[in-house]
Amino acid sequence: VQLQAFGGGLVQAGGSLRLSCAASGRTLSSGNMAWFRQAPGKEREVVVALDPFTRHTYYADSVKGRFTISRDNAVNTMYLEMHSLKPGDTAVYYCASRNGRIITSYMTRAEAYDTWGQGTQVTVSS
């Protein structure tokens, strides 16, 4: 099972980016999926987490109203649409998935996911 994340780059504050995460070897919708990020000197944090069984979606407060997770089952890919980007959004972004469902109380925890993409750098300039 592999996840490949891409789509990062350098963007000015207020701009937009769309990250993609292509899965191979397993159907993404067979389990929870999420995007995490890690800024220099900081711990990895959840950005958004999706439970495809209940459609429950968690967004970090810092990205609510600006970021949207979506998926295209036909191409086994999930996306992170990011708008109104801020310098504070600068980080390496990782996609993650799990074979099977994660209970709601754990879906924001990195240790609950068993497969990770390689990360893609997002840099937002002021």
C-alpha atoms as a PDB file:
ATOM      1  CA  VAL A   1       0.000   0.000   0.000  1.00  0.00           C
ATOM      2  CA  GLN A   2       1.395   3.380  -0.969  1.00  0.00           C
ATOM      3  CA  LEU A   3       0.266   6.974  -0.781  1.00  0.00           C
ATOM      4  CA  GLN A   4       1.851   9.622  -2.944  1.00  0.00           C
ATOM      5  CA  ALA A   5       1.235  13.234  -2.082  1.00  0.00           C
ATOM      6  CA  PHE A   6       1.902  16.094  -4.432  1.00  0.00           C
ATOM      7  CA  GLY A   7       0.747  19.602  -5.263  1.00  0.00           C
ATOM      8  CA  GLY A   8       2.666  21.647  -2.727  1.00  0.00           C
ATOM      9  CA  GLY A   9       4.573  24.761  -3.616  1.00  0.00           C
ATOM     10  CA  LEU A  10       5.235  28.402  -2.865  1.00  0.00           C
ATOM     11  CA  VAL A  11       2.240  30.711  -2.777  1.00  0.00           C
ATOM     12  CA  GLN A  12       1.591  34.222  -1.557  1.00  0.00           C
ATOM     13  CA  ALA A  13      -0.652  34.863   1.409  1.00  0.00           C
ATOM     14  CA  GLY A  14      -4.266  34.805   0.330  1.00  0.00           C
ATOM     15  CA  GLY A  15      -3.572  32.335  -2.439  1.00  0.00           C
ATOM     16  CA  SER A  16      -4.796  28.798  -2.992  1.00  0.00           C
ATOM     17  CA  LEU A  17      -3.345  25.364  -3.545  1.00  0.00           C
ATOM     18  CA  ARG A  18      -4.754  21.907  -4.058  1.00  0.00           C
ATOM     19  CA  LEU A  19      -2.891  18.937  -2.677  1.00  0.00           C
ATOM     20  CA  SER A  20      -3.484  15.469  -4.056  1.00  0.00           C
ATOM     21  CA  CYS A  21      -2.839  12.078  -2.515  1.00  0.00           C
ATOM     22  CA  ALA A  22      -2.956   9.110  -4.849  1.00  0.00           C
ATOM     23  CA  ALA A  23      -3.316   5.655  -3.337  1.00  0.00           C
ATOM     24  CA  SER A  24      -2.215   2.353  -4.762  1.00  0.00           C
ATOM     25  CA  GLY A  25      -2.580  -1.152  -3.399  1.00  0.00           C
ATOM     26  CA  ARG A  26      -5.700  -0.398  -1.382  1.00  0.00           C
ATOM     27  CA  THR A  27      -8.981   1.417  -1.879  1.00  0.00           C
ATOM     28  CA  LEU A  28      -8.857   4.708   0.007  1.00  0.00           C
ATOM     29  CA  SER A  29     -12.517   4.542   0.941  1.00  0.00           C
ATOM     30  CA  SER A  30     -11.936   1.268   2.803  1.00  0.00           C
ATOM     31  CA  GLY A  31     -10.907   3.296   5.833  1.00  0.00           C
ATOM     32  CA  ASN A  32     -10.377   6.674   7.418  1.00  0.00           C
ATOM     33  CA  MET A  33      -8.240   9.261   5.677  1.00  0.00           C
ATOM     34  CA  ALA A  34      -6.639  12.478   6.821  1.00  0.00           C
ATOM     35  CA  TRP A  35      -4.215  15.275   6.164  1.00  0.00           C
ATOM     36  CA  PHE A  36      -1.631  16.248   8.752  1.00  0.00           C
ATOM     37  CA  ARG A  37       1.038  18.920   8.680  1.00  0.00           C
ATOM     38  CA  GLN A  38       4.299  19.599  10.430  1.00  0.00           C
ATOM     39  CA  ALA A  39       5.966  22.972  10.619  1.00  0.00           C
ATOM     40  CA  PRO A  40       9.654  23.359  11.531  1.00  0.00           C
ATOM     41  CA  GLY A  41      10.164  22.878  15.235  1.00  0.00           C
ATOM     42  CA  LYS A  42       6.579  21.840  15.819  1.00  0.00           C
ATOM     43  CA  GLU A  43       4.786  18.564  16.296  1.00  0.00           C
ATOM     44  CA  ARG A  44       2.750  16.978  13.545  1.00  0.00           C
ATOM     45  CA  GLU A  45      -0.843  18.134  13.781  1.00  0.00           C
ATOM     46  CA  VAL A  46      -4.055  17.051  12.161  1.00  0.00           C
ATOM     47  CA  VAL A  47      -5.495  19.385   9.556  1.00  0.00           C
ATOM     48  CA  VAL A  48      -8.556  17.406   8.560  1.00  0.00           C
ATOM     49  CA  ALA A  49      -9.768  13.873   9.119  1.00  0.00           C
ATOM     50  CA  LEU A  50     -12.575  12.056   7.332  1.00  0.00           C
ATOM     51  CA  ASP A  51     -14.528   8.973   8.300  1.00  0.00           C
ATOM     52  CA  PRO A  52     -15.972   7.638   5.022  1.00  0.00           C
ATOM     53  CA  PHE A  53     -18.367   5.309   6.858  1.00  0.00           C
ATOM     54  CA  THR A  54     -20.168   8.030   8.810  1.00  0.00           C
ATOM     55  CA  ARG A  55     -19.037  10.970   6.637  1.00  0.00           C
ATOM     56  CA  HIS A  56     -17.963  12.674   9.837  1.00  0.00           C
ATOM     57  CA  THR A  57     -15.258  15.208   9.066  1.00  0.00           C
ATOM     58  CA  TYR A  58     -13.021  16.971  11.553  1.00  0.00           C
ATOM     59  CA  TYR A  59     -11.323  20.239  10.651  1.00  0.00           C
ATOM     60  CA  ALA A  60      -8.741  21.915  12.853  1.00  0.00           C
ATOM     61  CA  ASP A  61     -10.010  25.288  14.040  1.00  0.00           C
ATOM     62  CA  SER A  62      -7.152  27.020  12.281  1.00  0.00           C
ATOM     63  CA  VAL A  63      -8.324  25.840   8.848  1.00  0.00           C
ATOM     64  CA  LYS A  64     -12.107  25.780   9.180  1.00  0.00           C
ATOM     65  CA  GLY A  65     -13.771  27.624   6.353  1.00  0.00           C
ATOM     66  CA  ARG A  66     -10.546  27.706   4.323  1.00  0.00           C
ATOM     67  CA  PHE A  67      -9.610  24.053   3.714  1.00  0.00           C
ATOM     68  CA  THR A  68     -11.757  21.271   2.278  1.00  0.00           C
ATOM     69  CA  ILE A  69     -11.069  17.554   1.999  1.00  0.00           C
ATOM     70  CA  SER A  70     -12.537  15.588  -0.860  1.00  0.00           C
ATOM     71  CA  ARG A  71     -11.984  12.308  -2.640  1.00  0.00           C
ATOM     72  CA  ASP A  72     -12.474  10.786  -6.041  1.00  0.00           C
ATOM     73  CA  ASN A  73     -13.090   7.076  -5.677  1.00  0.00           C
ATOM     74  CA  ALA A  74     -12.768   6.549  -9.429  1.00  0.00           C
ATOM     75  CA  VAL A  75      -9.081   7.446  -9.296  1.00  0.00           C
ATOM     76  CA  ASN A  76      -8.491   6.426  -5.678  1.00  0.00           C
ATOM     77  CA  THR A  77      -7.273   9.884  -4.774  1.00  0.00           C
ATOM     78  CA  MET A  78      -8.047  12.356  -2.035  1.00  0.00           C
ATOM     79  CA  TYR A  79      -7.530  16.080  -2.153  1.00  0.00           C
ATOM     80  CA  LEU A  80      -7.018  19.024   0.141  1.00  0.00           C
ATOM     81  CA  GLU A  81      -8.255  22.313  -1.241  1.00  0.00           C
ATOM     82  CA  MET A  82      -6.620  25.209   0.561  1.00  0.00           C
ATOM     83  CA  HIS A  83      -7.789  28.786   0.194  1.00  0.00           C
ATOM     84  CA  SER A  84      -6.942  32.088   1.868  1.00  0.00           C
ATOM     85  CA  LEU A  85      -3.570  30.678   2.780  1.00  0.00           C
ATOM     86  CA  LYS A  86      -1.616  32.288   5.586  1.00  0.00           C
ATOM     87  CA  PRO A  87       2.085  32.204   6.465  1.00  0.00           C
ATOM     88  CA  GLY A  88       1.078  30.091   9.470  1.00  0.00           C
ATOM     89  CA  ASP A  89      -0.021  27.362   7.059  1.00  0.00           C
ATOM     90  CA  THR A  90       3.592  26.829   5.997  1.00  0.00           C
ATOM     91  CA  ALA A  91       4.482  23.204   6.698  1.00  0.00           C
ATOM     92  CA  VAL A  92       5.096  19.812   5.193  1.00  0.00           C
ATOM     93  CA  TYR A  93       1.712  18.265   4.522  1.00  0.00           C
ATOM     94  CA  TYR A  94       1.190  14.522   4.841  1.00  0.00           C
ATOM     95  CA  CYS A  95      -1.733  12.417   3.743  1.00  0.00           C
ATOM     96  CA  ALA A  96      -2.615   9.374   5.801  1.00  0.00           C
ATOM     97  CA  SER A  97      -5.022   6.489   5.613  1.00  0.00           C
ATOM     98  CA  ARG A  98      -6.110   3.487   7.615  1.00  0.00           C
ATOM     99  CA  ASN A  99      -7.322   0.085   6.498  1.00  0.00           C
ATOM    100  CA  GLY A 100     -10.641   0.013   8.278  1.00  0.00           C
ATOM    101  CA  ARG A 101     -12.496   2.445  10.457  1.00  0.00           C
ATOM    102  CA  ILE A 102     -11.021   4.476  13.293  1.00  0.00           C
ATOM    103  CA  ILE A 103     -13.353   5.289  16.150  1.00  0.00           C
ATOM    104  CA  THR A 104     -14.290   8.939  16.203  1.00  0.00           C
ATOM    105  CA  SER A 105     -12.356   9.833  19.319  1.00  0.00           C
ATOM    106  CA  TYR A 106      -9.114   8.622  17.727  1.00  0.00           C
ATOM    107  CA  MET A 107      -9.491   9.874  14.167  1.00  0.00           C
ATOM    108  CA  THR A 108      -7.371  12.971  14.804  1.00  0.00           C
ATOM    109  CA  ARG A 109      -4.432  11.015  16.192  1.00  0.00           C
ATOM    110  CA  ALA A 110      -1.473  10.319  13.942  1.00  0.00           C
ATOM    111  CA  GLU A 111      -0.862   6.912  15.541  1.00  0.00           C
ATOM    112  CA  ALA A 112      -4.288   5.728  14.387  1.00  0.00           C
ATOM    113  CA  TYR A 113      -3.195   5.744  10.725  1.00  0.00           C
ATOM    114  CA  ASP A 114      -1.166   2.935   9.224  1.00  0.00           C
ATOM    115  CA  THR A 115      -0.140   4.381   5.885  1.00  0.00           C
ATOM    116  CA  TRP A 116       1.492   7.722   5.141  1.00  0.00           C
ATOM    117  CA  GLY A 117       2.463   9.656   2.072  1.00  0.00           C
ATOM    118  CA  GLN A 118       5.925  11.133   1.745  1.00  0.00           C
ATOM    119  CA  GLY A 119       4.901  14.719   2.458  1.00  0.00           C
ATOM    120  CA  THR A 120       4.707  17.769   0.251  1.00  0.00           C
ATOM    121  CA  GLN A 121       6.017  21.210   1.205  1.00  0.00           C
ATOM    122  CA  VAL A 122       3.661  24.159   1.324  1.00  0.00           C
ATOM    123  CA  THR A 123       5.244  27.567   1.797  1.00  0.00           C
ATOM    124  CA  VAL A 124       3.124  30.681   2.159  1.00  0.00           C
ATOM    125  CA  SER A 125       4.933  33.995   1.832  1.00  0.00           C
ATOM    126  CA  SER A 126       3.682  37.181   3.435  1.00  0.00           C
END
